[in-house]
Amino acid sequence: MGYAFNPFTGKLDNTDNRIVEQTIQSSTTINNIIDGSAWQLPGPYTNEAAAAAAGIGIGQAYYDNGGTVRVRLT
């Protein structure tokens, strides 16, 4: 065992790399992002106002009519 980057703490620590790798592999959230399952990007919306009217929160991603992924800012 030696010092390694721990993605859960964001620090270098004396972590067993096998445990970190096993945790990543068994994480449902991470695996859903990797394979795209249970991942739905809302849209399309004409503009930010339309996204807001549809309930898209500030900081949430959506896509516009052209297929561009945007993040609601206001």
PDB file of N, CA and C in Angstrom:
ATOM      1  N   MET A   1       0.853  -1.171   0.000  1.00  0.00           N
ATOM      2  CA  MET A   1       0.000   0.000   0.000  1.00  0.00           C
ATOM      3  C   MET A   1       0.895   1.228   0.000  1.00  0.00           C
ATOM      4  N   GLY A   2       0.498   2.235  -0.740  1.00  0.00           N
ATOM      5  CA  GLY A   2       1.245   3.476  -0.764  1.00  0.00           C
ATOM      6  C   GLY A   2       0.299   4.636  -0.947  1.00  0.00           C
ATOM      7  N   TYR A   3       0.874   5.792  -1.108  1.00  0.00           N
ATOM      8  CA  TYR A   3       0.039   6.966  -1.298  1.00  0.00           C
ATOM      9  C   TYR A   3      -0.520   6.989  -2.715  1.00  0.00           C
ATOM     10  N   ALA A   4      -1.783   7.282  -2.814  1.00  0.00           N
ATOM     11  CA  ALA A   4      -2.464   7.339  -4.100  1.00  0.00           C
ATOM     12  C   ALA A   4      -3.557   8.391  -4.020  1.00  0.00           C
ATOM     13  N   PHE A   5      -3.956   8.885  -5.173  1.00  0.00           N
ATOM     14  CA  PHE A   5      -5.051   9.858  -5.223  1.00  0.00           C
ATOM     15  C   PHE A   5      -6.346   9.138  -4.917  1.00  0.00           C
ATOM     16  N   ASN A   6      -7.073   9.656  -3.952  1.00  0.00           N
ATOM     17  CA  ASN A   6      -8.371   9.096  -3.584  1.00  0.00           C
ATOM     18  C   ASN A   6      -9.442  10.003  -4.176  1.00  0.00           C
ATOM     19  N   PRO A   7     -10.199   9.533  -5.190  1.00  0.00           N
ATOM     20  CA  PRO A   7     -11.194  10.389  -5.840  1.00  0.00           C
ATOM     21  C   PRO A   7     -12.354  10.776  -4.926  1.00  0.00           C
ATOM     22  N   PHE A   8     -12.534  10.076  -3.831  1.00  0.00           N
ATOM     23  CA  PHE A   8     -13.628  10.386  -2.918  1.00  0.00           C
ATOM     24  C   PHE A   8     -13.276  11.511  -1.956  1.00  0.00           C
ATOM     25  N   THR A   9     -11.981  11.639  -1.625  1.00  0.00           N
ATOM     26  CA  THR A   9     -11.557  12.712  -0.726  1.00  0.00           C
ATOM     27  C   THR A   9     -10.884  13.850  -1.487  1.00  0.00           C
ATOM     28  N   GLY A  10     -10.431  13.569  -2.733  1.00  0.00           N
ATOM     29  CA  GLY A  10      -9.729  14.576  -3.509  1.00  0.00           C
ATOM     30  C   GLY A  10      -8.310  14.810  -3.023  1.00  0.00           C
ATOM     31  N   LYS A  11      -7.762  13.857  -2.263  1.00  0.00           N
ATOM     32  CA  LYS A  11      -6.443  14.019  -1.675  1.00  0.00           C
ATOM     33  C   LYS A  11      -5.604  12.771  -1.914  1.00  0.00           C
ATOM     34  N   LEU A  12      -4.299  12.947  -1.736  1.00  0.00           N
ATOM     35  CA  LEU A  12      -3.415  11.801  -1.700  1.00  0.00           C
ATOM     36  C   LEU A  12      -3.491  11.214  -0.302  1.00  0.00           C
ATOM     37  N   ASP A  13      -3.724   9.936  -0.218  1.00  0.00           N
ATOM     38  CA  ASP A  13      -3.730   9.310   1.096  1.00  0.00           C
ATOM     39  C   ASP A  13      -3.256   7.874   0.991  1.00  0.00           C
ATOM     40  N   ASN A  14      -3.089   7.261   2.107  1.00  0.00           N
ATOM     41  CA  ASN A  14      -2.593   5.904   2.169  1.00  0.00           C
ATOM     42  C   ASN A  14      -3.768   4.950   1.968  1.00  0.00           C
ATOM     43  N   THR A  15      -4.214   4.838   0.733  1.00  0.00           N
ATOM     44  CA  THR A  15      -5.407   4.088   0.390  1.00  0.00           C
ATOM     45  C   THR A  15      -5.035   2.831  -0.383  1.00  0.00           C
ATOM     46  N   ASP A  16      -5.684   1.763  -0.094  1.00  0.00           N
ATOM     47  CA  ASP A  16      -5.500   0.540  -0.870  1.00  0.00           C
ATOM     48  C   ASP A  16      -6.203   0.758  -2.210  1.00  0.00           C
ATOM     49  N   ASN A  17      -5.436   0.800  -3.295  1.00  0.00           N
ATOM     50  CA  ASN A  17      -5.991   1.078  -4.623  1.00  0.00           C
ATOM     51  C   ASN A  17      -7.043   0.063  -5.043  1.00  0.00           C
ATOM     52  N   ARG A  18      -6.901  -1.157  -4.562  1.00  0.00           N
ATOM     53  CA  ARG A  18      -7.895  -2.177  -4.933  1.00  0.00           C
ATOM     54  C   ARG A  18      -9.266  -1.836  -4.363  1.00  0.00           C
ATOM     55  N   ILE A  19      -9.305  -1.290  -3.158  1.00  0.00           N
ATOM     56  CA  ILE A  19     -10.581  -0.920  -2.542  1.00  0.00           C
ATOM     57  C   ILE A  19     -11.215   0.232  -3.302  1.00  0.00           C
ATOM     58  N   VAL A  20     -10.411   1.238  -3.667  1.00  0.00           N
ATOM     59  CA  VAL A  20     -10.941   2.376  -4.422  1.00  0.00           C
ATOM     60  C   VAL A  20     -11.479   1.905  -5.766  1.00  0.00           C
ATOM     61  N   GLU A  21     -10.725   1.076  -6.479  1.00  0.00           N
ATOM     62  CA  GLU A  21     -11.162   0.569  -7.776  1.00  0.00           C
ATOM     63  C   GLU A  21     -12.430  -0.266  -7.641  1.00  0.00           C
ATOM     64  N   GLN A  22     -12.502  -1.099  -6.625  1.00  0.00           N
ATOM     65  CA  GLN A  22     -13.686  -1.921  -6.403  1.00  0.00           C
ATOM     66  C   GLN A  22     -14.900  -1.040  -6.112  1.00  0.00           C
ATOM     67  N   THR A  23     -14.717   0.013  -5.333  1.00  0.00           N
ATOM     68  CA  THR A  23     -15.815   0.922  -5.016  1.00  0.00           C
ATOM     69  C   THR A  23     -16.303   1.628  -6.264  1.00  0.00           C
ATOM     70  N   ILE A  24     -15.372   2.087  -7.109  1.00  0.00           N
ATOM     71  CA  ILE A  24     -15.750   2.754  -8.355  1.00  0.00           C
ATOM     72  C   ILE A  24     -16.526   1.790  -9.252  1.00  0.00           C
ATOM     73  N   GLN A  25     -16.042   0.569  -9.389  1.00  0.00           N
ATOM     74  CA  GLN A  25     -16.699  -0.410 -10.256  1.00  0.00           C
ATOM     75  C   GLN A  25     -18.092  -0.771  -9.762  1.00  0.00           C
ATOM     76  N   SER A  26     -18.307  -0.739  -8.450  1.00  0.00           N
ATOM     77  CA  SER A  26     -19.608  -1.129  -7.908  1.00  0.00           C
ATOM     78  C   SER A  26     -20.546   0.060  -7.704  1.00  0.00           C
ATOM     79  N   SER A  27     -20.097   1.266  -8.016  1.00  0.00           N
ATOM     80  CA  SER A  27     -20.927   2.450  -7.834  1.00  0.00           C
ATOM     81  C   SER A  27     -21.970   2.541  -8.943  1.00  0.00           C
ATOM     82  N   THR A  28     -23.218   2.479  -8.580  1.00  0.00           N
ATOM     83  CA  THR A  28     -24.302   2.563  -9.556  1.00  0.00           C
ATOM     84  C   THR A  28     -24.280   3.896 -10.280  1.00  0.00           C
ATOM     85  N   THR A  29     -24.055   4.973  -9.566  1.00  0.00           N
ATOM     86  CA  THR A  29     -24.041   6.301 -10.184  1.00  0.00           C
ATOM     87  C   THR A  29     -22.952   6.405 -11.231  1.00  0.00           C
ATOM     88  N   ILE A  30     -21.747   5.999 -10.888  1.00  0.00           N
ATOM     89  CA  ILE A  30     -20.629   6.082 -11.834  1.00  0.00           C
ATOM     90  C   ILE A  30     -20.880   5.183 -13.036  1.00  0.00           C
ATOM     91  N   ASN A  31     -21.355   3.983 -12.810  1.00  0.00           N
ATOM     92  CA  ASN A  31     -21.608   3.066 -13.920  1.00  0.00           C
ATOM     93  C   ASN A  31     -22.727   3.568 -14.820  1.00  0.00           C
ATOM     94  N   ASN A  32     -23.742   4.212 -14.264  1.00  0.00           N
ATOM     95  CA  ASN A  32     -24.805   4.776 -15.093  1.00  0.00           C
ATOM     96  C   ASN A  32     -24.279   5.898 -15.976  1.00  0.00           C
ATOM     97  N   ILE A  33     -23.335   6.678 -15.485  1.00  0.00           N
ATOM     98  CA  ILE A  33     -22.735   7.734 -16.294  1.00  0.00           C
ATOM     99  C   ILE A  33     -21.881   7.115 -17.390  1.00  0.00           C
ATOM    100  N   ILE A  34     -21.119   6.090 -17.049  1.00  0.00           N
ATOM    101  CA  ILE A  34     -20.238   5.449 -18.028  1.00  0.00           C
ATOM    102  C   ILE A  34     -21.042   4.826 -19.161  1.00  0.00           C
ATOM    103  N   ASP A  35     -22.085   4.083 -18.842  1.00  0.00           N
ATOM    104  CA  ASP A  35     -22.804   3.376 -19.906  1.00  0.00           C
ATOM    105  C   ASP A  35     -24.032   4.130 -20.434  1.00  0.00           C
ATOM    106  N   GLY A  36     -24.372   5.255 -19.821  1.00  0.00           N
ATOM    107  CA  GLY A  36     -25.464   6.078 -20.334  1.00  0.00           C
ATOM    108  C   GLY A  36     -26.850   5.650 -19.870  1.00  0.00           C
ATOM    109  N   SER A  37     -26.941   4.600 -19.078  1.00  0.00           N
ATOM    110  CA  SER A  37     -28.258   4.179 -18.606  1.00  0.00           C
ATOM    111  C   SER A  37     -28.747   5.142 -17.534  1.00  0.00           C
ATOM    112  N   ALA A  38     -30.033   5.339 -17.483  1.00  0.00           N
ATOM    113  CA  ALA A  38     -30.672   6.225 -16.509  1.00  0.00           C
ATOM    114  C   ALA A  38     -30.166   7.659 -16.625  1.00  0.00           C
ATOM    115  N   TRP A  39     -29.682   8.019 -17.775  1.00  0.00           N
ATOM    116  CA  TRP A  39     -29.160   9.368 -17.997  1.00  0.00           C
ATOM    117  C   TRP A  39     -30.062  10.042 -19.013  1.00  0.00           C
ATOM    118  N   GLN A  40     -30.796  11.040 -18.575  1.00  0.00           N
ATOM    119  CA  GLN A  40     -31.676  11.751 -19.492  1.00  0.00           C
ATOM    120  C   GLN A  40     -31.397  13.234 -19.409  1.00  0.00           C
ATOM    121  N   LEU A  41     -31.062  13.816 -20.534  1.00  0.00           N
ATOM    122  CA  LEU A  41     -30.811  15.239 -20.616  1.00  0.00           C
ATOM    123  C   LEU A  41     -32.089  15.896 -21.108  1.00  0.00           C
ATOM    124  N   PRO A  42     -32.673  16.800 -20.317  1.00  0.00           N
ATOM    125  CA  PRO A  42     -33.929  17.415 -20.724  1.00  0.00           C
ATOM    126  C   PRO A  42     -33.764  18.332 -21.928  1.00  0.00           C
ATOM    127  N   GLY A  43     -34.812  18.427 -22.696  1.00  0.00           N
ATOM    128  CA  GLY A  43     -34.820  19.308 -23.850  1.00  0.00           C
ATOM    129  C   GLY A  43     -35.563  18.650 -24.983  1.00  0.00           C
ATOM    130  N   PRO A  44     -35.612  19.254 -26.109  1.00  0.00           N
ATOM    131  CA  PRO A  44     -34.974  20.528 -26.443  1.00  0.00           C
ATOM    132  C   PRO A  44     -35.798  21.725 -25.986  1.00  0.00           C
ATOM    133  N   TYR A  45     -35.105  22.806 -25.670  1.00  0.00           N
ATOM    134  CA  TYR A  45     -35.733  24.077 -25.312  1.00  0.00           C
ATOM    135  C   TYR A  45     -35.195  25.164 -26.223  1.00  0.00           C
ATOM    136  N   THR A  46     -36.064  26.108 -26.578  1.00  0.00           N
ATOM    137  CA  THR A  46     -35.705  27.185 -27.489  1.00  0.00           C
ATOM    138  C   THR A  46     -34.622  28.076 -26.906  1.00  0.00           C
ATOM    139  N   ASN A  47     -34.746  28.395 -25.630  1.00  0.00           N
ATOM    140  CA  ASN A  47     -33.779  29.295 -24.979  1.00  0.00           C
ATOM    141  C   ASN A  47     -33.833  29.053 -23.465  1.00  0.00           C
ATOM    142  N   GLU A  48     -33.051  29.846 -22.745  1.00  0.00           N
ATOM    143  CA  GLU A  48     -32.973  29.664 -21.289  1.00  0.00           C
ATOM    144  C   GLU A  48     -34.312  29.944 -20.613  1.00  0.00           C
ATOM    145  N   ALA A  49     -35.054  30.909 -21.113  1.00  0.00           N
ATOM    146  CA  ALA A  49     -36.360  31.222 -20.527  1.00  0.00           C
ATOM    147  C   ALA A  49     -37.318  30.035 -20.670  1.00  0.00           C
ATOM    148  N   ALA A  50     -37.278  29.380 -21.821  1.00  0.00           N
ATOM    149  CA  ALA A  50     -38.132  28.213 -22.034  1.00  0.00           C
ATOM    150  C   ALA A  50     -37.713  27.071 -21.113  1.00  0.00           C
ATOM    151  N   ALA A  51     -36.410  26.915 -20.918  1.00  0.00           N
ATOM    152  CA  ALA A  51     -35.923  25.875 -20.012  1.00  0.00           C
ATOM    153  C   ALA A  51     -36.371  26.176 -18.586  1.00  0.00           C
ATOM    154  N   ALA A  52     -36.284  27.441 -18.186  1.00  0.00           N
ATOM    155  CA  ALA A  52     -36.712  27.838 -16.840  1.00  0.00           C
ATOM    156  C   ALA A  52     -38.204  27.577 -16.655  1.00  0.00           C
ATOM    157  N   ALA A  53     -38.997  27.908 -17.667  1.00  0.00           N
ATOM    158  CA  ALA A  53     -40.444  27.700 -17.591  1.00  0.00           C
ATOM    159  C   ALA A  53     -40.786  26.214 -17.473  1.00  0.00           C
ATOM    160  N   ALA A  54     -39.907  25.359 -18.009  1.00  0.00           N
ATOM    161  CA  ALA A  54     -40.139  23.916 -17.956  1.00  0.00           C
ATOM    162  C   ALA A  54     -39.615  23.299 -16.658  1.00  0.00           C
ATOM    163  N   GLY A  55     -39.041  24.139 -15.775  1.00  0.00           N
ATOM    164  CA  GLY A  55     -38.593  23.640 -14.486  1.00  0.00           C
ATOM    165  C   GLY A  55     -37.123  23.271 -14.407  1.00  0.00           C
ATOM    166  N   ILE A  56     -36.340  23.634 -15.416  1.00  0.00           N
ATOM    167  CA  ILE A  56     -34.901  23.375 -15.373  1.00  0.00           C
ATOM    168  C   ILE A  56     -34.282  24.338 -14.367  1.00  0.00           C
ATOM    169  N   GLY A  57     -33.573  23.811 -13.382  1.00  0.00           N
ATOM    170  CA  GLY A  57     -32.993  24.630 -12.330  1.00  0.00           C
ATOM    171  C   GLY A  57     -31.699  25.294 -12.761  1.00  0.00           C
ATOM    172  N   ILE A  58     -31.331  26.377 -12.081  1.00  0.00           N
ATOM    173  CA  ILE A  58     -30.072  27.055 -12.352  1.00  0.00           C
ATOM    174  C   ILE A  58     -28.934  26.067 -12.085  1.00  0.00           C
ATOM    175  N   GLY A  59     -28.015  25.966 -13.046  1.00  0.00           N
ATOM    176  CA  GLY A  59     -26.901  25.044 -12.952  1.00  0.00           C
ATOM    177  C   GLY A  59     -27.177  23.679 -13.563  1.00  0.00           C
ATOM    178  N   GLN A  60     -28.422  23.426 -13.951  1.00  0.00           N
ATOM    179  CA  GLN A  60     -28.783  22.134 -14.534  1.00  0.00           C
ATOM    180  C   GLN A  60     -28.555  22.166 -16.043  1.00  0.00           C
ATOM    181  N   ALA A  61     -28.099  21.058 -16.590  1.00  0.00           N
ATOM    182  CA  ALA A  61     -27.855  20.953 -18.029  1.00  0.00           C
ATOM    183  C   ALA A  61     -29.159  20.655 -18.766  1.00  0.00           C
ATOM    184  N   TYR A  62     -29.228  21.141 -19.993  1.00  0.00           N
ATOM    185  CA  TYR A  62     -30.329  20.849 -20.912  1.00  0.00           C
ATOM    186  C   TYR A  62     -29.789  21.002 -22.325  1.00  0.00           C
ATOM    187  N   TYR A  63     -30.575  20.639 -23.330  1.00  0.00           N
ATOM    188  CA  TYR A  63     -30.114  20.886 -24.694  1.00  0.00           C
ATOM    189  C   TYR A  63     -31.121  21.747 -25.437  1.00  0.00           C
ATOM    190  N   ASP A  64     -30.579  22.514 -26.390  1.00  0.00           N
ATOM    191  CA  ASP A  64     -31.424  23.430 -27.153  1.00  0.00           C
ATOM    192  C   ASP A  64     -31.896  22.783 -28.454  1.00  0.00           C
ATOM    193  N   ASN A  65     -32.645  23.536 -29.246  1.00  0.00           N
ATOM    194  CA  ASN A  65     -33.214  23.007 -30.491  1.00  0.00           C
ATOM    195  C   ASN A  65     -32.151  22.545 -31.473  1.00  0.00           C
ATOM    196  N   GLY A  66     -30.945  23.113 -31.384  1.00  0.00           N
ATOM    197  CA  GLY A  66     -29.866  22.713 -32.279  1.00  0.00           C
ATOM    198  C   GLY A  66     -29.071  21.527 -31.777  1.00  0.00           C
ATOM    199  N   GLY A  67     -29.400  21.016 -30.590  1.00  0.00           N
ATOM    200  CA  GLY A  67     -28.699  19.873 -30.037  1.00  0.00           C
ATOM    201  C   GLY A  67     -27.508  20.229 -29.163  1.00  0.00           C
ATOM    202  N   THR A  68     -27.277  21.533 -28.959  1.00  0.00           N
ATOM    203  CA  THR A  68     -26.166  21.969 -28.125  1.00  0.00           C
ATOM    204  C   THR A  68     -26.538  21.807 -26.657  1.00  0.00           C
ATOM    205  N   VAL A  69     -25.637  21.222 -25.891  1.00  0.00           N
ATOM    206  CA  VAL A  69     -25.861  21.080 -24.446  1.00  0.00           C
ATOM    207  C   VAL A  69     -25.515  22.399 -23.784  1.00  0.00           C
ATOM    208  N   ARG A  70     -26.418  22.894 -22.968  1.00  0.00           N
ATOM    209  CA  ARG A  70     -26.240  24.166 -22.259  1.00  0.00           C
ATOM    210  C   ARG A  70     -26.499  23.963 -20.791  1.00  0.00           C
ATOM    211  N   VAL A  71     -26.036  24.913 -19.995  1.00  0.00           N
ATOM    212  CA  VAL A  71     -26.301  24.929 -18.552  1.00  0.00           C
ATOM    213  C   VAL A  71     -27.076  26.184 -18.251  1.00  0.00           C
ATOM    214  N   ARG A  72     -28.183  26.036 -17.535  1.00  0.00           N
ATOM    215  CA  ARG A  72     -29.003  27.215 -17.214  1.00  0.00           C
ATOM    216  C   ARG A  72     -28.261  28.096 -16.230  1.00  0.00           C
ATOM    217  N   LEU A  73     -28.142  29.386 -16.589  1.00  0.00           N
ATOM    218  CA  LEU A  73     -27.366  30.326 -15.791  1.00  0.00           C
ATOM    219  C   LEU A  73     -28.210  31.299 -14.989  1.00  0.00           C
ATOM    220  N   THR A  74     -29.404  31.661 -15.499  1.00  0.00           N
ATOM    221  CA  THR A  74     -30.235  32.643 -14.801  1.00  0.00           C
ATOM    222  C   THR A  74     -31.639  32.129 -14.597  1.00  0.00           C
TER     223      THR A  74
END
